[in-house]
Structure formats: C-alpha cells, structure tokens
Amino acid sequence: MPLATRTEAPQPSAYGLSSGATSRSKRRLRVRTGTVPDTPTPECAGSVGALLASTTGALQGVIIGGWNANSIIVTIAASAILEGLAIWFSNGVTINPVGTDYRLLNERFLGLPVGVYALVALALAGEALMRLTVFGRLIHLAGDCRAAARAAALPLTWIGTGVFAIAGACAGLAGPFMASFNHSASLPLNRGTFGYDAIAAVLIGGAAIGGGRGTILRTMLGVVVISIVTDLVLLRGYSTARRSF
C-alpha cells in the first residue's frame, strides 16, 4: 500500500519500518508452504500470507490509532517480532522452492511483467478508495489534524486498523512477487534500503510527512523516480555503499 494513504498517524511514513519485515516474512511463508508435499498450493499459501500480513498490520493500527502510541516505536517493535518469527519458521536459512508454479508471477503479458499490472491495479483501487469512499476521506481528515479528529469523535481506532490492515496486505502480496523474481526467499533480501526507498518515494510524490495530504498516483511517480535513480547508479557501477547512500 502506498504510504501516502497512511495519514492517520503523526508519522505516516514510519510504517515502512515494519512493512519490509512483513513482506520478507510472508514471502518465506509463501515459498515454504507452497512447495512442500502435502501442504497448501502456492495460491493458497500466498492468500494465507497476505491474510497474516493484513492481521499483523491491523494489530499495529489498533495500537497506534486506538491508543495513540508512537508509530515509529510500534512499527520498529513489530519489525523485530516479525523477523524473529521468520527466523524461527525458516531456521534462518534461505528457502528455495521445489516446484515451478511460482514462475507464473514472472510471466510477461504484452511485454510487461505480471507484477506491473498488479501494481497498477492496486494503485488505481487505492486511489478510488481514497477519493470516492467515506473511509478514504476519513483517512485524510484524521491525518490532517489528529487532535481535531479526536475532538470531532472520528473513529480513529477503526481508521488506523483499516489503513494498517490494507498496508499489511499489500506488503504481504509484494512478498511472493519478490520471492518469485529472486527464485528464493531469505531475510537479507532487499533488507538494506527497502523501507527507506518506500519512504523516499512517498515524500517525492508530495505526501505530507504529518499526514492529511497526498495521493497514491503521485506516490507512484515517486516510485518511478526512485527506480530510475537506482537503475542509473547501478549502471554507472557505483559501489553498494554509494548506492545505499
């Protein structure tokens, strides 16, 4: 879920601190449960992973939206817990798929990867949610001024829960695509700048750091900018340290 929609908390971008761990944890679950005999199919495993990711996001939303907890602290704690569970689940080793069903996510249609269509569909659905529904307008109102939103008796608990649940589900869906692209699932995969790239894309897209302003489509432009810059520094042969900087 693009971070521009997470405007119910004072630090809307902080959720990226746990979304990366959510994505990594769920792609390990998808790869492992989808390729071992007598276990669910990859499609079922992917759905379960997205559901679990949505649940973990919703729990964070309850704490942040309902209890007015600091989003940075909550999401860092959630990230640590998720990574710990992923290590316990996988014994800390890279998980390689046995079958080839996962390759469907790497297929191309009209010259573009399936993941691009999934991203565009999610972006359009999210933009429609923000613009055309009461829930979307409540997200903007709650993020614009949290004190005023609480004084106006807006359902901050439900707003936070819904936003973080959607964000968690999107992170869970991203996991299988990343695992499919890399033909394996491991915690170090994209651990370095994954969350920071997402935060940068949101800010480049014009979302307010305090919440209440920003659109998903503009965030997508930020994603394009970050991708172009990343590819350019890679093509120029810069070291890993410089690329991270």
Protein backbone atom coordinates (compact mmCIF):
# COMPACT_ATOMS: atom_id res chain seq x y z
CA MET A 1 0.00 0.00 0.00
CA PRO A 2 1.49 3.36 -0.84
CA LEU A 3 2.42 5.26 2.27
CA ALA A 4 0.59 8.40 1.17
CA THR A 5 -2.65 6.81 2.38
CA ARG A 6 -1.39 6.18 5.88
CA THR A 7 -2.26 9.57 7.23
CA GLU A 8 -3.95 8.57 10.45
CA ALA A 9 -0.75 8.77 12.49
CA PRO A 10 1.62 11.66 13.17
CA GLN A 11 4.41 9.80 11.34
CA PRO A 12 2.66 8.20 8.34
CA SER A 13 5.92 7.08 6.75
CA ALA A 14 7.05 5.16 9.83
CA TYR A 15 5.03 2.14 8.86
CA GLY A 16 7.68 1.37 6.25
CA LEU A 17 9.88 0.30 9.14
CA SER A 18 7.74 -2.78 9.58
CA SER A 19 6.31 -3.26 6.09
CA GLY A 20 9.67 -4.51 4.83
CA ALA A 21 9.81 -7.16 7.54
CA THR A 22 6.19 -8.04 6.82
CA SER A 23 6.94 -8.56 3.13
CA ARG A 24 10.06 -10.65 3.83
CA SER A 25 8.28 -12.81 6.41
CA LYS A 26 5.29 -13.51 4.19
CA ARG A 27 7.32 -14.38 1.11
CA ARG A 28 9.17 -17.00 3.18
CA LEU A 29 5.84 -18.41 4.30
CA ARG A 30 4.56 -18.46 0.72
CA VAL A 31 7.65 -20.19 -0.69
CA ARG A 32 7.88 -22.74 2.09
CA THR A 33 4.22 -23.74 2.40
CA GLY A 34 3.64 -23.66 -1.33
CA THR A 35 6.34 -26.09 -2.34
CA VAL A 36 6.45 -28.83 0.32
CA PRO A 37 4.45 -32.02 -0.32
CA ASP A 38 1.08 -32.34 1.44
CA THR A 39 0.92 -28.58 2.08
CA PRO A 40 -1.35 -25.93 0.54
CA THR A 41 -0.93 -24.87 -3.08
CA PRO A 42 1.13 -21.75 -3.84
CA GLU A 43 -2.05 -19.77 -4.47
CA CYS A 44 -3.48 -20.82 -1.11
CA ALA A 45 -0.19 -20.15 0.64
CA GLY A 46 0.01 -16.69 -0.93
CA SER A 47 -3.51 -15.88 0.24
CA VAL A 48 -2.72 -17.07 3.75
CA GLY A 49 0.43 -14.95 3.75
CA ALA A 50 -1.49 -11.83 2.69
CA LEU A 51 -4.13 -12.53 5.35
CA LEU A 52 -1.50 -12.90 8.06
CA ALA A 53 0.25 -9.74 6.89
CA SER A 54 -3.05 -7.87 6.99
CA THR A 55 -3.66 -9.14 10.52
CA THR A 56 -0.26 -8.01 11.76
CA GLY A 57 -0.86 -4.62 10.19
CA ALA A 58 -4.30 -4.36 11.78
CA LEU A 59 -2.85 -5.07 15.22
CA GLN A 60 -0.39 -2.23 14.78
CA GLY A 61 -3.23 0.01 13.62
CA VAL A 62 -5.23 -0.74 16.77
CA ILE A 63 -2.29 0.21 18.98
CA ILE A 64 -1.43 3.37 17.05
CA GLY A 65 -4.93 4.55 16.20
CA GLY A 66 -6.72 3.48 19.36
CA TRP A 67 -4.05 4.00 21.99
CA ASN A 68 -2.32 6.96 20.32
CA ALA A 69 1.00 5.12 20.53
CA ASN A 70 4.11 6.37 18.75
CA SER A 71 4.06 4.82 15.29
CA ILE A 72 7.85 4.65 14.99
CA ILE A 73 8.25 2.65 18.20
CA VAL A 74 5.33 0.35 17.41
CA THR A 75 6.47 -0.45 13.87
CA ILE A 76 10.10 -0.99 14.87
CA ALA A 77 8.93 -3.43 17.55
CA ALA A 78 6.65 -5.16 15.04
CA SER A 79 9.53 -5.43 12.58
CA ALA A 80 11.73 -7.10 15.19
CA ILE A 81 8.99 -9.55 16.14
CA LEU A 82 8.23 -10.44 12.52
CA GLU A 83 11.87 -11.03 11.69
CA GLY A 84 12.25 -13.19 14.78
CA LEU A 85 9.24 -15.29 13.78
CA ALA A 86 10.58 -15.61 10.23
CA ILE A 87 13.94 -16.85 11.54
CA TRP A 88 12.22 -19.35 13.81
CA PHE A 89 9.95 -20.53 11.00
CA SER A 90 12.76 -21.00 8.47
CA ASN A 91 15.64 -21.86 10.85
CA GLY A 92 17.44 -18.82 9.44
CA VAL A 93 18.22 -20.41 6.07
CA THR A 94 17.30 -19.41 2.52
CA ILE A 95 14.20 -21.21 1.30
CA ASN A 96 14.29 -22.46 -2.28
CA PRO A 97 11.08 -23.59 -3.99
CA VAL A 98 10.80 -27.18 -5.17
CA GLY A 99 8.17 -26.72 -7.86
CA THR A 100 7.86 -24.21 -10.66
CA ASP A 101 4.35 -22.85 -10.08
CA TYR A 102 5.80 -19.63 -8.72
CA ARG A 103 7.17 -18.74 -12.16
CA LEU A 104 3.70 -17.58 -13.16
CA LEU A 105 4.47 -14.35 -11.28
CA ASN A 106 7.46 -13.79 -13.56
CA GLU A 107 5.49 -14.13 -16.78
CA ARG A 108 5.08 -11.23 -19.19
CA PHE A 109 1.91 -10.01 -20.85
CA LEU A 110 2.14 -7.55 -23.73
CA GLY A 111 5.79 -7.11 -22.90
CA LEU A 112 5.29 -6.15 -19.25
CA PRO A 113 5.74 -8.34 -16.16
CA VAL A 114 2.64 -9.51 -14.30
CA GLY A 115 3.83 -7.55 -11.27
CA VAL A 116 3.43 -4.26 -13.15
CA TYR A 117 -0.24 -4.99 -13.81
CA ALA A 118 -0.73 -5.97 -10.18
CA LEU A 119 0.90 -2.72 -9.05
CA VAL A 120 -1.22 -0.58 -11.38
CA ALA A 121 -4.41 -2.37 -10.30
CA LEU A 122 -3.62 -1.85 -6.61
CA ALA A 123 -2.71 1.80 -7.19
CA LEU A 124 -5.96 2.52 -9.05
CA ALA A 125 -8.00 0.66 -6.45
CA GLY A 126 -6.30 2.58 -3.65
CA GLU A 127 -6.82 5.92 -5.39
CA ALA A 128 -10.50 5.12 -5.88
CA LEU A 129 -10.76 4.19 -2.21
CA MET A 130 -9.21 7.48 -1.13
CA ARG A 131 -11.25 9.69 -3.46
CA LEU A 132 -14.64 8.01 -3.67
CA THR A 133 -15.33 6.49 -0.27
CA VAL A 134 -16.13 7.86 3.17
CA PHE A 135 -13.28 5.80 4.60
CA GLY A 136 -10.80 7.49 2.28
CA ARG A 137 -11.98 10.95 3.28
CA LEU A 138 -11.77 9.99 6.95
CA ILE A 139 -8.13 8.99 6.44
CA HIS A 140 -7.30 12.46 5.13
CA LEU A 141 -9.25 14.16 7.91
CA ALA A 142 -7.63 12.11 10.65
CA GLY A 143 -4.15 12.71 9.32
CA ASP A 144 -4.59 16.43 8.71
CA CYS A 145 -5.03 17.22 12.41
CA ARG A 146 -5.14 14.34 14.84
CA ALA A 147 -6.24 16.47 17.79
CA ALA A 148 -9.13 17.92 15.81
CA ALA A 149 -10.08 14.48 14.54
CA ARG A 150 -10.23 13.15 18.10
CA ALA A 151 -12.25 16.18 19.22
CA ALA A 152 -14.65 15.58 16.32
CA ALA A 153 -15.11 12.00 17.54
CA LEU A 154 -13.78 10.42 14.37
CA PRO A 155 -13.32 6.63 14.76
CA LEU A 156 -9.53 6.77 14.94
CA THR A 157 -9.22 3.17 16.11
CA TRP A 158 -11.11 1.84 13.10
CA ILE A 159 -9.36 4.22 10.73
CA GLY A 160 -5.94 3.14 11.97
CA THR A 161 -6.88 -0.52 11.92
CA GLY A 162 -8.24 -0.35 8.38
CA VAL A 163 -5.31 1.60 6.95
CA PHE A 164 -2.65 -0.60 8.51
CA ALA A 165 -4.53 -3.76 7.57
CA ILE A 166 -4.61 -2.68 3.92
CA ALA A 167 -0.94 -1.71 4.04
CA GLY A 168 -0.06 -5.06 5.59
CA ALA A 169 -1.99 -6.96 2.94
CA CYS A 170 -0.18 -5.08 0.18
CA ALA A 171 3.17 -5.84 1.79
CA GLY A 172 2.14 -9.49 2.04
CA LEU A 173 1.25 -9.54 -1.66
CA ALA A 174 4.58 -7.98 -2.57
CA GLY A 175 6.46 -10.79 -0.83
CA PRO A 176 5.57 -13.57 -3.29
CA PHE A 177 6.46 -11.37 -6.26
CA MET A 178 9.87 -10.61 -4.78
CA ALA A 179 10.48 -14.25 -3.90
CA SER A 180 9.43 -15.32 -7.39
CA PHE A 181 11.75 -12.79 -9.02
CA ASN A 182 14.70 -13.97 -6.90
CA HIS A 183 13.71 -17.67 -7.06
CA SER A 184 14.13 -17.92 -3.29
CA ALA A 185 13.15 -16.30 -0.02
CA SER A 186 15.57 -15.00 2.59
CA LEU A 187 15.62 -12.29 5.22
CA PRO A 188 18.63 -10.39 3.81
CA LEU A 189 16.79 -9.97 0.50
CA ASN A 190 16.29 -6.22 -0.01
CA ARG A 191 16.70 -5.66 3.72
CA GLY A 192 19.06 -2.71 3.30
CA THR A 193 17.06 0.11 1.65
CA PHE A 194 13.66 -1.45 1.08
CA GLY A 195 11.79 0.62 3.66
CA TYR A 196 13.74 3.80 3.03
CA ASP A 197 13.08 3.63 -0.71
CA ALA A 198 9.36 3.42 0.03
CA ILE A 199 9.52 6.41 2.36
CA ALA A 200 11.52 8.41 -0.19
CA ALA A 201 9.00 7.60 -2.93
CA VAL A 202 6.16 8.86 -0.76
CA LEU A 203 7.93 12.12 0.05
CA ILE A 204 8.95 12.69 -3.58
CA GLY A 205 5.32 12.12 -4.51
CA GLY A 206 4.33 15.09 -2.36
CA ALA A 207 2.71 13.43 0.63
CA ALA A 208 2.82 15.49 3.82
CA ILE A 209 5.06 13.97 6.47
CA GLY A 210 2.45 14.85 9.08
CA GLY A 211 -0.39 13.27 7.11
CA GLY A 212 -3.56 14.63 5.60
CA ARG A 213 -2.21 15.40 2.13
CA GLY A 214 -1.02 13.20 -0.73
CA THR A 215 -2.31 10.81 -3.36
CA ILE A 216 -1.41 7.31 -4.41
CA LEU A 217 -0.94 8.29 -8.05
CA ARG A 218 1.60 10.96 -7.11
CA THR A 219 3.33 8.40 -4.93
CA MET A 220 3.59 6.17 -7.99
CA LEU A 221 5.51 8.97 -9.70
CA GLY A 222 7.84 8.96 -6.73
CA VAL A 223 8.30 5.22 -7.18
CA VAL A 224 9.27 5.79 -10.82
CA VAL A 225 11.81 8.44 -9.83
CA ILE A 226 13.40 6.21 -7.19
CA SER A 227 13.54 3.30 -9.65
CA ILE A 228 15.20 5.43 -12.33
CA VAL A 229 17.80 6.79 -9.90
CA THR A 230 18.52 3.29 -8.56
CA ASP A 231 18.99 1.88 -12.06
CA LEU A 232 21.22 4.78 -13.12
CA VAL A 233 23.62 4.43 -10.19
CA LEU A 234 23.69 0.67 -10.78
CA LEU A 235 24.52 1.14 -14.47
CA ARG A 236 27.25 3.62 -13.57
CA GLY A 237 28.89 0.94 -11.45
CA TYR A 238 28.75 2.67 -8.08
CA SER A 239 29.61 0.58 -5.04
CA THR A 240 26.94 -0.85 -2.76
CA ALA A 241 27.80 1.72 -0.09
CA ARG A 242 27.30 4.62 -2.52
CA ARG A 243 24.06 3.15 -3.86
CA SER A 244 22.73 2.86 -0.31
CA PHE A 245 23.72 6.45 0.39
